Every structure is written in structure tokens, then in C-alpha cells.
């Protein structure tokens, strides 16, 4: 069971952080087009890897990825607005928003996975073959 959530966590880190340049990280708070670019890359990672790594069908992987892409967009939009307000302010509050953002993303990813595909929590995946 925990394997699915570890995979989701790793996909989130890869799609949300490693594929995001410092430039995109800063600009996505200021211009919506950069936020869309970030969310698009993030969503494509989930589309490509969720069927293989999470034991979903291609259509389930697409559904899971698109739902979470939209939710990721909403979370990043609102937390980005908070970050802009606090960039020149209190660093502790800014870092708290970063942790809050990260936690919200992971909770949403886990809840949508459990809600949509409870059968896949223990599914045979690429790693089990």
C-alpha cells in the first residue's frame, strides 16, 4: 500500500521540482502563462508514468493526471499569490507557505488516488514484474 504513495510522492517531486527551472519557479507567481507551463510539465509526467508505476490503465492515468493537474493549478495559483505578498516580508511565513503548498499537493494526490482507484493501491506495477 505504501509503495503507491511513495511513487506518487516521487512523481510529485520530479514533476514539481526537478523539471521546474528557477526562472519558471519565480515567473509562475507573476504571469499565468508560466504557471500553465509548470502545470503542463507536471501533468505530463503524471500522464506518462502513472499507468506504468501505479498500476492504472492508460485512461485511468490520464484521468488521475488531468484532475490533479487542474487541482495543482488552483493550489499553485493561490499559494503563489500568498508568496508574492510575503517575498519582501517575513521569511518564516514565506517558508510556511511553501510547506503548506507541498503538503496540500501531496494530500490531494493521495486522496484522489484512494477515492478514484482504491483497487489500485495494491496493484501490480512495473516494479513487481
N, C-alpha and C. Protein backbone atom coordinates (compact mmCIF):
# COMPACT_ATOMS: atom_id res chain seq x y z
N UNK A 1 0.82 -1.20 0.00
CA UNK A 1 0.00 0.00 0.00
C UNK A 1 0.86 1.26 0.00
N UNK A 2 1.88 1.26 0.81
CA UNK A 2 2.71 2.45 0.92
C UNK A 2 3.51 2.71 -0.35
N UNK A 3 3.75 1.65 -1.11
CA UNK A 3 4.52 1.79 -2.34
C UNK A 3 3.85 2.78 -3.30
N UNK A 4 2.54 2.72 -3.42
CA UNK A 4 1.82 3.64 -4.30
C UNK A 4 2.04 5.08 -3.88
N UNK A 5 2.00 5.33 -2.58
CA UNK A 5 2.14 6.70 -2.10
C UNK A 5 3.58 7.18 -2.21
N UNK A 6 4.53 6.29 -2.08
CA UNK A 6 5.94 6.66 -2.31
C UNK A 6 6.14 7.03 -3.78
N UNK A 7 5.53 6.27 -4.67
CA UNK A 7 5.64 6.56 -6.11
C UNK A 7 4.99 7.91 -6.41
N UNK A 8 3.81 8.16 -5.85
CA UNK A 8 3.13 9.45 -6.05
C UNK A 8 4.01 10.59 -5.53
N UNK A 9 4.60 10.41 -4.36
CA UNK A 9 5.50 11.40 -3.77
C UNK A 9 6.68 11.67 -4.70
N UNK A 10 7.29 10.62 -5.24
CA UNK A 10 8.44 10.78 -6.13
C UNK A 10 8.05 11.44 -7.45
N UNK A 11 6.88 11.08 -8.00
CA UNK A 11 6.41 11.74 -9.22
C UNK A 11 6.17 13.22 -8.96
N UNK A 12 5.63 13.53 -7.81
CA UNK A 12 5.38 14.93 -7.45
C UNK A 12 6.69 15.72 -7.36
N UNK A 13 7.68 15.14 -6.72
CA UNK A 13 8.98 15.81 -6.60
C UNK A 13 9.60 16.01 -7.98
N UNK A 14 9.57 14.96 -8.79
CA UNK A 14 10.18 15.05 -10.11
C UNK A 14 9.46 16.07 -10.99
N UNK A 15 8.14 15.96 -11.07
CA UNK A 15 7.37 16.86 -11.92
C UNK A 15 7.27 18.28 -11.39
N UNK A 16 7.23 18.41 -10.08
CA UNK A 16 7.02 19.72 -9.48
C UNK A 16 8.28 20.50 -9.18
N UNK A 17 9.40 19.79 -9.04
CA UNK A 17 10.62 20.48 -8.65
C UNK A 17 11.77 20.29 -9.62
N UNK A 18 12.11 19.05 -9.93
CA UNK A 18 13.27 18.80 -10.79
C UNK A 18 13.09 19.31 -12.21
N UNK A 19 11.87 19.27 -12.72
CA UNK A 19 11.63 19.75 -14.08
C UNK A 19 11.35 21.25 -14.14
N UNK A 20 11.29 21.88 -12.99
CA UNK A 20 10.97 23.30 -12.92
C UNK A 20 12.26 24.11 -12.73
N UNK A 21 12.54 24.97 -13.67
CA UNK A 21 13.73 25.82 -13.54
C UNK A 21 13.47 26.91 -12.50
N UNK A 22 14.54 27.53 -12.04
CA UNK A 22 14.40 28.66 -11.11
C UNK A 22 13.59 29.79 -11.75
N UNK A 23 13.80 29.97 -13.04
CA UNK A 23 13.09 31.02 -13.79
C UNK A 23 11.59 30.78 -13.75
N UNK A 24 11.17 29.55 -14.07
CA UNK A 24 9.74 29.22 -14.05
C UNK A 24 9.20 29.32 -12.63
N UNK A 25 9.97 28.89 -11.65
CA UNK A 25 9.54 28.94 -10.26
C UNK A 25 9.19 30.37 -9.85
N UNK A 26 9.98 31.33 -10.28
CA UNK A 26 9.73 32.73 -9.94
C UNK A 26 8.63 33.33 -10.80
N UNK A 27 8.69 33.07 -12.10
CA UNK A 27 7.75 33.71 -13.02
C UNK A 27 6.33 33.18 -12.91
N UNK A 28 6.15 31.95 -12.46
CA UNK A 28 4.81 31.37 -12.37
C UNK A 28 3.95 32.11 -11.34
N UNK A 29 4.59 32.83 -10.43
CA UNK A 29 3.85 33.62 -9.45
C UNK A 29 3.35 34.93 -10.06
N UNK A 30 4.02 35.36 -11.13
CA UNK A 30 3.73 36.67 -11.70
C UNK A 30 2.94 36.63 -13.00
N UNK A 31 3.16 35.59 -13.80
CA UNK A 31 2.49 35.50 -15.10
C UNK A 31 1.85 34.12 -15.25
N UNK A 32 0.57 34.14 -15.55
CA UNK A 32 -0.22 32.92 -15.62
C UNK A 32 0.32 31.93 -16.66
N UNK A 33 0.88 32.43 -17.74
CA UNK A 33 1.40 31.55 -18.79
C UNK A 33 2.52 30.65 -18.26
N UNK A 34 3.33 31.16 -17.35
CA UNK A 34 4.40 30.35 -16.75
C UNK A 34 3.85 29.34 -15.76
N UNK A 35 2.77 29.70 -15.09
CA UNK A 35 2.10 28.75 -14.21
C UNK A 35 1.52 27.61 -15.05
N UNK A 36 0.92 27.96 -16.18
CA UNK A 36 0.39 26.92 -17.08
C UNK A 36 1.50 26.03 -17.61
N UNK A 37 2.64 26.61 -17.93
CA UNK A 37 3.78 25.81 -18.40
C UNK A 37 4.23 24.83 -17.32
N UNK A 38 4.36 25.31 -16.11
CA UNK A 38 4.75 24.45 -14.98
C UNK A 38 3.75 23.31 -14.79
N UNK A 39 2.47 23.65 -14.74
CA UNK A 39 1.43 22.64 -14.51
C UNK A 39 1.37 21.67 -15.69
N UNK A 40 1.59 22.16 -16.90
CA UNK A 40 1.61 21.28 -18.06
C UNK A 40 2.71 20.24 -17.98
N UNK A 41 3.92 20.67 -17.62
CA UNK A 41 5.04 19.72 -17.47
C UNK A 41 4.75 18.72 -16.35
N UNK A 42 4.25 19.21 -15.25
CA UNK A 42 3.91 18.37 -14.10
C UNK A 42 2.88 17.32 -14.50
N UNK A 43 1.83 17.76 -15.19
CA UNK A 43 0.75 16.86 -15.59
C UNK A 43 1.24 15.83 -16.60
N UNK A 44 2.09 16.23 -17.52
CA UNK A 44 2.63 15.28 -18.50
C UNK A 44 3.44 14.17 -17.83
N UNK A 45 4.17 14.50 -16.78
CA UNK A 45 4.92 13.47 -16.04
C UNK A 45 3.95 12.45 -15.45
N UNK A 46 2.86 12.93 -14.87
CA UNK A 46 1.88 12.01 -14.31
C UNK A 46 1.17 11.21 -15.40
N UNK A 47 0.87 11.83 -16.53
CA UNK A 47 0.24 11.11 -17.64
C UNK A 47 1.16 9.98 -18.12
N UNK A 48 2.43 10.28 -18.26
CA UNK A 48 3.38 9.31 -18.78
C UNK A 48 3.66 8.16 -17.82
N UNK A 49 3.76 8.46 -16.53
CA UNK A 49 4.25 7.45 -15.59
C UNK A 49 3.20 6.83 -14.67
N UNK A 50 2.06 7.48 -14.47
CA UNK A 50 1.10 6.89 -13.53
C UNK A 50 0.55 5.54 -13.98
N UNK A 51 0.29 5.31 -15.28
CA UNK A 51 -0.15 3.96 -15.65
C UNK A 51 0.92 2.90 -15.39
N UNK A 52 2.14 3.21 -15.68
CA UNK A 52 3.23 2.24 -15.53
C UNK A 52 3.55 1.99 -14.06
N UNK A 53 3.67 3.05 -13.29
CA UNK A 53 4.16 2.94 -11.91
C UNK A 53 3.08 2.73 -10.86
N UNK A 54 1.84 3.10 -11.18
CA UNK A 54 0.78 3.00 -10.18
C UNK A 54 -0.24 1.90 -10.49
N UNK A 55 -0.03 1.17 -11.56
CA UNK A 55 -0.94 0.07 -11.88
C UNK A 55 -2.27 0.53 -12.41
N UNK A 56 -2.31 1.69 -13.04
CA UNK A 56 -3.54 2.21 -13.63
C UNK A 56 -3.58 1.88 -15.12
N UNK A 57 -4.78 1.89 -15.67
CA UNK A 57 -4.89 1.78 -17.13
C UNK A 57 -4.47 3.12 -17.71
N UNK A 58 -4.30 3.18 -19.00
CA UNK A 58 -3.93 4.45 -19.64
C UNK A 58 -5.00 5.51 -19.42
N UNK A 59 -6.27 5.12 -19.55
CA UNK A 59 -7.35 6.08 -19.33
C UNK A 59 -7.44 6.52 -17.87
N UNK A 60 -7.22 5.61 -16.94
CA UNK A 60 -7.21 5.98 -15.53
C UNK A 60 -6.05 6.92 -15.23
N UNK A 61 -4.89 6.63 -15.80
CA UNK A 61 -3.73 7.50 -15.61
C UNK A 61 -3.98 8.89 -16.16
N UNK A 62 -4.65 8.95 -17.30
CA UNK A 62 -4.99 10.25 -17.91
C UNK A 62 -5.97 11.00 -17.02
N UNK A 63 -6.99 10.30 -16.55
CA UNK A 63 -7.99 10.92 -15.67
C UNK A 63 -7.34 11.44 -14.39
N UNK A 64 -6.57 10.59 -13.73
CA UNK A 64 -5.89 10.96 -12.48
C UNK A 64 -4.98 12.17 -12.70
N UNK A 65 -4.23 12.15 -13.78
CA UNK A 65 -3.28 13.21 -14.08
C UNK A 65 -3.97 14.53 -14.38
N UNK A 66 -5.04 14.50 -15.17
CA UNK A 66 -5.74 15.73 -15.53
C UNK A 66 -6.46 16.34 -14.33
N UNK A 67 -7.10 15.50 -13.54
CA UNK A 67 -7.76 16.01 -12.33
C UNK A 67 -6.74 16.67 -11.41
N UNK A 68 -5.63 15.99 -11.20
CA UNK A 68 -4.61 16.55 -10.31
C UNK A 68 -3.87 17.73 -10.94
N UNK A 69 -3.79 17.77 -12.26
CA UNK A 69 -3.21 18.93 -12.92
C UNK A 69 -4.04 20.18 -12.65
N UNK A 70 -5.36 20.05 -12.77
CA UNK A 70 -6.26 21.19 -12.51
C UNK A 70 -6.17 21.61 -11.04
N UNK A 71 -6.18 20.64 -10.15
CA UNK A 71 -6.07 20.95 -8.72
C UNK A 71 -4.71 21.57 -8.40
N UNK A 72 -3.66 21.08 -9.04
CA UNK A 72 -2.32 21.64 -8.85
C UNK A 72 -2.30 23.11 -9.30
N UNK A 73 -2.94 23.39 -10.40
CA UNK A 73 -3.03 24.76 -10.91
C UNK A 73 -3.69 25.66 -9.87
N UNK A 74 -4.81 25.22 -9.31
CA UNK A 74 -5.51 26.02 -8.31
C UNK A 74 -4.68 26.27 -7.07
N UNK A 75 -4.05 25.22 -6.57
CA UNK A 75 -3.21 25.37 -5.36
C UNK A 75 -2.05 26.31 -5.63
N UNK A 76 -1.34 26.10 -6.74
CA UNK A 76 -0.19 26.95 -7.05
C UNK A 76 -0.60 28.40 -7.31
N UNK A 77 -1.77 28.60 -7.89
CA UNK A 77 -2.24 29.97 -8.14
C UNK A 77 -2.42 30.71 -6.81
N UNK A 78 -3.12 30.08 -5.88
CA UNK A 78 -3.39 30.75 -4.61
C UNK A 78 -2.17 30.85 -3.71
N UNK A 79 -1.37 29.80 -3.64
CA UNK A 79 -0.17 29.89 -2.79
C UNK A 79 0.85 30.83 -3.43
N UNK A 80 0.86 30.92 -4.76
CA UNK A 80 1.74 31.87 -5.44
C UNK A 80 1.39 33.31 -5.08
N UNK A 81 0.09 33.60 -5.01
CA UNK A 81 -0.35 34.94 -4.61
C UNK A 81 0.10 35.25 -3.18
N UNK A 82 0.01 34.26 -2.30
CA UNK A 82 0.48 34.47 -0.93
C UNK A 82 1.99 34.69 -0.89
N UNK A 83 2.73 33.92 -1.69
CA UNK A 83 4.19 34.07 -1.72
C UNK A 83 4.59 35.45 -2.20
N UNK A 84 3.91 35.97 -3.21
CA UNK A 84 4.23 37.31 -3.72
C UNK A 84 4.04 38.36 -2.63
N UNK A 85 3.00 38.22 -1.85
CA UNK A 85 2.75 39.17 -0.76
C UNK A 85 3.86 39.11 0.30
N UNK A 86 4.48 37.94 0.46
CA UNK A 86 5.44 37.76 1.55
C UNK A 86 6.89 37.70 1.10
N UNK A 87 7.16 37.92 -0.20
CA UNK A 87 8.54 37.84 -0.68
C UNK A 87 9.45 38.80 0.07
N UNK A 88 9.00 40.04 0.25
CA UNK A 88 9.82 41.02 0.96
C UNK A 88 9.47 41.07 2.44
N UNK A 89 8.68 40.14 2.87
CA UNK A 89 8.25 40.13 4.26
C UNK A 89 8.96 39.08 5.08
N UNK A 90 8.23 38.49 5.93
CA UNK A 90 8.73 37.52 6.89
C UNK A 90 9.11 36.21 6.20
N UNK A 91 10.38 35.83 6.30
CA UNK A 91 10.87 34.60 5.64
C UNK A 91 10.25 33.35 6.26
N UNK A 92 9.97 33.39 7.54
CA UNK A 92 9.36 32.24 8.21
C UNK A 92 7.96 31.99 7.64
N UNK A 93 7.18 33.06 7.46
CA UNK A 93 5.84 32.93 6.89
C UNK A 93 5.92 32.44 5.44
N UNK A 94 6.87 32.94 4.69
CA UNK A 94 7.05 32.51 3.31
C UNK A 94 7.36 31.01 3.26
N UNK A 95 8.29 30.55 4.09
CA UNK A 95 8.64 29.13 4.11
C UNK A 95 7.47 28.27 4.59
N UNK A 96 6.66 28.81 5.48
CA UNK A 96 5.47 28.10 5.93
C UNK A 96 4.50 27.89 4.77
N UNK A 97 4.38 28.88 3.92
CA UNK A 97 3.51 28.75 2.74
C UNK A 97 4.06 27.68 1.79
N UNK A 98 5.37 27.63 1.64
CA UNK A 98 5.98 26.60 0.79
C UNK A 98 5.66 25.21 1.33
N UNK A 99 5.80 25.02 2.64
CA UNK A 99 5.49 23.73 3.26
C UNK A 99 4.00 23.42 3.13
N UNK A 100 3.16 24.42 3.32
CA UNK A 100 1.72 24.26 3.19
C UNK A 100 1.36 23.84 1.76
N UNK A 101 1.96 24.51 0.78
CA UNK A 101 1.73 24.20 -0.64
C UNK A 101 2.09 22.74 -0.93
N UNK A 102 3.25 22.34 -0.50
CA UNK A 102 3.74 20.99 -0.73
C UNK A 102 2.82 19.96 -0.08
N UNK A 103 2.41 20.23 1.15
CA UNK A 103 1.54 19.32 1.89
C UNK A 103 0.17 19.20 1.22
N UNK A 104 -0.39 20.32 0.81
CA UNK A 104 -1.69 20.31 0.13
C UNK A 104 -1.61 19.46 -1.14
N UNK A 105 -0.56 19.63 -1.92
CA UNK A 105 -0.40 18.84 -3.15
C UNK A 105 -0.39 17.35 -2.84
N UNK A 106 0.40 16.94 -1.86
CA UNK A 106 0.51 15.52 -1.53
C UNK A 106 -0.79 14.95 -0.99
N UNK A 107 -1.48 15.71 -0.17
CA UNK A 107 -2.76 15.25 0.37
C UNK A 107 -3.77 15.08 -0.76
N UNK A 108 -3.83 16.04 -1.66
CA UNK A 108 -4.75 15.96 -2.80
C UNK A 108 -4.42 14.75 -3.67
N UNK A 109 -3.14 14.54 -3.96
CA UNK A 109 -2.73 13.40 -4.78
C UNK A 109 -3.14 12.08 -4.12
N UNK A 110 -2.93 11.97 -2.82
CA UNK A 110 -3.28 10.73 -2.11
C UNK A 110 -4.79 10.53 -2.05
N UNK A 111 -5.54 11.58 -1.73
CA UNK A 111 -6.99 11.46 -1.61
C UNK A 111 -7.62 11.11 -2.96
N UNK A 112 -7.19 11.77 -4.02
CA UNK A 112 -7.78 11.46 -5.33
C UNK A 112 -7.43 10.04 -5.77
N UNK A 113 -6.24 9.58 -5.44
CA UNK A 113 -5.86 8.21 -5.79
C UNK A 113 -6.73 7.19 -5.04
N UNK A 114 -6.88 7.39 -3.74
CA UNK A 114 -7.69 6.49 -2.92
C UNK A 114 -9.16 6.53 -3.35
N UNK A 115 -9.66 7.71 -3.62
CA UNK A 115 -11.06 7.89 -3.98
C UNK A 115 -11.37 7.30 -5.35
N UNK A 116 -10.50 7.58 -6.33
CA UNK A 116 -10.77 7.11 -7.69
C UNK A 116 -10.40 5.65 -7.91
N UNK A 117 -9.32 5.19 -7.31
CA UNK A 117 -8.78 3.86 -7.63
C UNK A 117 -8.39 3.07 -6.39
N UNK A 118 -9.32 2.81 -5.50
CA UNK A 118 -8.95 2.06 -4.29
C UNK A 118 -8.41 0.67 -4.63
N UNK A 119 -8.84 0.12 -5.75
CA UNK A 119 -8.35 -1.20 -6.18
C UNK A 119 -6.88 -1.16 -6.59
N UNK A 120 -6.39 0.00 -6.96
CA UNK A 120 -5.01 0.12 -7.46
C UNK A 120 -3.98 0.34 -6.36
N UNK A 121 -4.44 0.53 -5.14
CA UNK A 121 -3.50 0.79 -4.05
C UNK A 121 -2.49 -0.35 -3.92
N UNK A 122 -2.94 -1.58 -4.11
CA UNK A 122 -2.06 -2.73 -4.01
C UNK A 122 -1.87 -3.40 -5.38
N UNK A 123 -2.05 -2.65 -6.44
CA UNK A 123 -1.97 -3.23 -7.78
C UNK A 123 -0.54 -3.64 -8.13
N UNK A 124 -0.44 -4.58 -9.04
CA UNK A 124 0.85 -4.99 -9.58
C UNK A 124 1.32 -3.87 -10.50
N UNK A 125 2.53 -3.42 -10.28
CA UNK A 125 3.09 -2.34 -11.08
C UNK A 125 4.34 -2.78 -11.79
N UNK A 126 4.94 -1.86 -12.50
CA UNK A 126 6.18 -2.09 -13.24
C UNK A 126 7.25 -2.72 -12.35
N UNK A 127 7.31 -2.30 -11.09
CA UNK A 127 8.35 -2.78 -10.18
C UNK A 127 8.13 -4.23 -9.74
N UNK A 128 6.89 -4.70 -9.84
CA UNK A 128 6.56 -6.05 -9.40
C UNK A 128 6.75 -7.10 -10.49
N UNK A 129 6.96 -6.67 -11.69
CA UNK A 129 7.05 -7.61 -12.83
C UNK A 129 8.44 -8.17 -12.99
